[in-house]
C-alpha atoms as a PDB file:
ATOM      1  CA  MET A   1      66.706 130.369-119.754  1.00  0.00           C
ATOM      2  CA  SER A   2      64.343 131.071-116.922  1.00  0.00           C
ATOM      3  CA  GLU A   3      61.994 129.033-114.786  1.00  0.00           C
ATOM      4  CA  PRO A   4      58.962 127.774-116.687  1.00  0.00           C
ATOM      5  CA  ALA A   5      56.135 130.300-116.515  1.00  0.00           C
ATOM      6  CA  PRO A   6      52.576 129.189-115.760  1.00  0.00           C
ATOM      7  CA  THR A   7      50.054 129.588-118.568  1.00  0.00           C
ATOM      8  CA  ALA A   8      46.294 130.078-118.460  1.00  0.00           C
ATOM      9  CA  ASN A   9      45.702 126.329-118.686  1.00  0.00           C
ATOM     10  CA  GLY A  10      48.067 125.604-115.784  1.00  0.00           C
ATOM     11  CA  LYS A  11      50.832 124.134-117.947  1.00  0.00           C
ATOM     12  CA  ARG A  12      54.300 125.556-117.843  1.00  0.00           C
ATOM     13  CA  CYS A  13      56.296 126.816-120.799  1.00  0.00           C
ATOM     14  CA  MET A  14      59.882 127.936-121.195  1.00  0.00           C
ATOM     15  CA  SER A  15      60.578 131.562-122.015  1.00  0.00           C
ATOM     16  CA  SER A  16      63.974 132.802-123.103  1.00  0.00           C
ATOM     17  CA  PHE A  17      65.275 136.125-121.878  1.00  0.00           C
ATOM     18  CA  VAL A  18      67.792 138.456-123.490  1.00  0.00           C
ATOM     19  CA  ARG A  19      69.965 140.834-121.479  1.00  0.00           C
ATOM     20  CA  VAL A  20      69.380 144.333-122.842  1.00  0.00           C
ATOM     21  CA  ALA A  21      70.878 146.825-120.388  1.00  0.00           C
ATOM     22  CA  SER A  22      72.056 147.593-116.895  1.00  0.00           C
ATOM     23  CA  THR A  23      69.824 149.418-114.450  1.00  0.00           C
ATOM     24  CA  GLY A  24      72.070 152.498-114.633  1.00  0.00           C
ATOM     25  CA  GLU A  25      71.370 152.886-118.362  1.00  0.00           C
ATOM     26  CA  ILE A  26      67.665 153.676-117.877  1.00  0.00           C
ATOM     27  CA  PRO A  27      67.076 156.398-115.249  1.00  0.00           C
ATOM     28  CA  PRO A  28      63.717 156.623-113.430  1.00  0.00           C
ATOM     29  CA  GLY A  29      61.055 158.189-115.650  1.00  0.00           C
ATOM     30  CA  GLN A  30      62.974 157.291-118.811  1.00  0.00           C
ATOM     31  CA  ALA A  31      62.942 154.575-121.462  1.00  0.00           C
ATOM     32  CA  LYS A  32      65.272 153.016-123.975  1.00  0.00           C
ATOM     33  CA  ALA A  33      64.578 150.883-127.061  1.00  0.00           C
ATOM     34  CA  PHE A  34      66.246 147.538-127.764  1.00  0.00           C
ATOM     35  CA  VAL A  35      66.038 144.934-130.483  1.00  0.00           C
ATOM     36  CA  VAL A  36      64.960 141.694-128.812  1.00  0.00           C
ATOM     37  CA  GLY A  37      64.712 138.847-131.281  1.00  0.00           C
ATOM     38  CA  PRO A  38      62.708 140.097-134.280  1.00  0.00           C
ATOM     39  CA  ARG A  39      61.078 143.008-132.372  1.00  0.00           C
ATOM     40  CA  GLU A  40      61.979 146.440-131.119  1.00  0.00           C
ATOM     41  CA  ILE A  41      60.934 146.766-127.489  1.00  0.00           C
ATOM     42  CA  ALA A  42      60.850 149.826-125.222  1.00  0.00           C
ATOM     43  CA  VAL A  43      61.964 149.285-121.620  1.00  0.00           C
ATOM     44  CA  PHE A  44      60.688 151.824-119.067  1.00  0.00           C
ATOM     45  CA  ASN A  45      61.940 152.580-115.557  1.00  0.00           C
ATOM     46  CA  VAL A  46      58.970 153.613-113.409  1.00  0.00           C
ATOM     47  CA  ALA A  47      60.327 154.486-109.963  1.00  0.00           C
ATOM     48  CA  GLY A  48      62.734 151.534-110.032  1.00  0.00           C
ATOM     49  CA  SER A  49      60.308 149.021-111.592  1.00  0.00           C
ATOM     50  CA  TYR A  50      60.966 148.002-115.178  1.00  0.00           C
ATOM     51  CA  TYR A  51      58.311 147.394-117.841  1.00  0.00           C
ATOM     52  CA  ALA A  52      58.628 146.433-121.502  1.00  0.00           C
ATOM     53  CA  ILE A  53      56.200 147.029-124.385  1.00  0.00           C
ATOM     54  CA  ASP A  54      56.364 147.171-128.167  1.00  0.00           C
ATOM     55  CA  ASN A  55      58.295 150.299-129.150  1.00  0.00           C
ATOM     56  CA  ALA A  56      56.098 151.130-132.157  1.00  0.00           C
ATOM     57  CA  CYS A  57      52.885 153.067-131.603  1.00  0.00           C
ATOM     58  CA  PRO A  58      50.104 151.307-133.532  1.00  0.00           C
ATOM     59  CA  HIS A  59      48.903 154.608-135.006  1.00  0.00           C
ATOM     60  CA  GLN A  60      51.837 155.293-137.331  1.00  0.00           C
ATOM     61  CA  GLY A  61      54.803 153.546-135.743  1.00  0.00           C
ATOM     62  CA  GLY A  62      56.057 156.373-133.521  1.00  0.00           C
ATOM     63  CA  PRO A  63      58.968 155.376-131.239  1.00  0.00           C
ATOM     64  CA  LEU A  64      57.425 155.080-127.777  1.00  0.00           C
ATOM     65  CA  ALA A  65      60.822 154.992-126.039  1.00  0.00           C
ATOM     66  CA  GLU A  66      61.222 158.602-127.218  1.00  0.00           C
ATOM     67  CA  GLY A  67      57.821 159.600-125.823  1.00  0.00           C
ATOM     68  CA  TRP A  68      56.857 161.494-122.688  1.00  0.00           C
ATOM     69  CA  VAL A  69      56.643 159.357-119.560  1.00  0.00           C
ATOM     70  CA  GLU A  70      54.409 160.428-116.689  1.00  0.00           C
ATOM     71  CA  GLY A  71      54.029 157.820-113.976  1.00  0.00           C
ATOM     72  CA  CYS A  72      53.081 154.587-115.752  1.00  0.00           C
ATOM     73  CA  VAL A  73      51.875 156.263-118.952  1.00  0.00           C
ATOM     74  CA  VAL A  74      53.928 156.922-122.075  1.00  0.00           C
ATOM     75  CA  THR A  75      52.700 159.334-124.745  1.00  0.00           C
ATOM     76  CA  CYS A  76      53.829 158.829-128.336  1.00  0.00           C
ATOM     77  CA  PRO A  77      56.036 161.702-129.508  1.00  0.00           C
ATOM     78  CA  TRP A  78      54.412 161.755-132.966  1.00  0.00           C
ATOM     79  CA  HIS A  79      50.650 162.005-132.391  1.00  0.00           C
ATOM     80  CA  ALA A  80      50.113 161.829-128.610  1.00  0.00           C
ATOM     81  CA  TRP A  81      48.555 158.372-128.331  1.00  0.00           C
ATOM     82  CA  SER A  82      49.096 157.187-124.728  1.00  0.00           C
ATOM     83  CA  PHE A  83      49.671 153.726-123.247  1.00  0.00           C
ATOM     84  CA  ASP A  84      50.025 152.230-119.780  1.00  0.00           C
ATOM     85  CA  VAL A  85      53.503 150.654-119.773  1.00  0.00           C
ATOM     86  CA  ARG A  86      52.385 148.037-117.216  1.00  0.00           C
ATOM     87  CA  THR A  87      49.546 146.625-119.327  1.00  0.00           C
ATOM     88  CA  GLY A  88      50.090 147.968-122.848  1.00  0.00           C
ATOM     89  CA  ALA A  89      46.516 149.328-122.792  1.00  0.00           C
ATOM     90  CA  MET A  90      45.773 152.569-124.582  1.00  0.00           C
ATOM     91  CA  THR A  91      44.701 155.351-122.225  1.00  0.00           C
ATOM     92  CA  PRO A  92      42.156 156.667-121.593  1.00  0.00           C
ATOM     93  CA  SER A  93      40.253 154.480-124.075  1.00  0.00           C
ATOM     94  CA  ASP A  94      40.652 150.812-124.893  1.00  0.00           C
ATOM     95  CA  LEU A  95      40.978 151.269-128.652  1.00  0.00           C
ATOM     96  CA  CYS A  96      44.043 149.015-128.783  1.00  0.00           C
ATOM     97  CA  THR A  97      46.616 147.244-126.623  1.00  0.00           C
ATOM     98  CA  LEU A  98      50.329 146.779-127.182  1.00  0.00           C
ATOM     99  CA  ASP A  99      52.174 143.560-126.438  1.00  0.00           C
ATOM    100  CA  THR A 100      53.935 143.551-123.081  1.00  0.00           C
ATOM    101  CA  PHE A 101      57.021 141.540-122.183  1.00  0.00           C
ATOM    102  CA  GLU A 102      58.219 140.124-118.890  1.00  0.00           C
ATOM    103  CA  VAL A 103      61.275 141.865-117.463  1.00  0.00           C
ATOM    104  CA  GLN A 104      63.788 140.274-115.105  1.00  0.00           C
ATOM    105  CA  VAL A 105      66.331 142.208-113.077  1.00  0.00           C
ATOM    106  CA  ALA A 106      69.252 140.252-111.628  1.00  0.00           C
ATOM    107  CA  GLY A 107      71.723 142.467-109.819  1.00  0.00           C
ATOM    108  CA  SER A 108      72.077 145.355-112.251  1.00  0.00           C
ATOM    109  CA  ALA A 109      71.260 143.330-115.400  1.00  0.00           C
ATOM    110  CA  ILE A 110      67.919 143.928-117.129  1.00  0.00           C
ATOM    111  CA  SER A 111      66.644 141.080-119.327  1.00  0.00           C
ATOM    112  CA  VAL A 112      63.492 140.957-121.469  1.00  0.00           C
ATOM    113  CA  SER A 113      61.507 137.924-122.588  1.00  0.00           C
ATOM    114  CA  LEU A 114      61.681 137.043-126.273  1.00  0.00           C
ATOM    115  CA  GLU A 115      57.958 136.230-126.246  1.00  0.00           C
ATOM    116  CA  PRO A 116      55.152 138.644-125.350  1.00  0.00           C
ATOM    117  CA  ARG A 117      52.898 137.888-122.425  1.00  0.00           C
ATOM    118  CA  SER A 118      49.759 136.027-123.400  1.00  0.00           C
END
């Protein structure tokens, strides 16, 4: 369990985190997919900062963790839809947005929230 996170209305809620990897398992500029609760989530290493989004591209379910990563943008390997891994927003348009998940790094352990950010 982690510290309660503030919500939009100022109340705090508990969010559970699941350890998914060590920092050495995801090199800079790379990603890896993990099953976290009922979802498959892609975790990206962008210059030592870790971000987590849904692994399935909304177009036809392409595995985003297998996509091309350039800076903070991942491009789906199936049909080239692109998303900002920090926000989940499609780039360059705002046609759709993927769920993002909080990532915690403690020592070399990477953990991802079970619940998407609101």
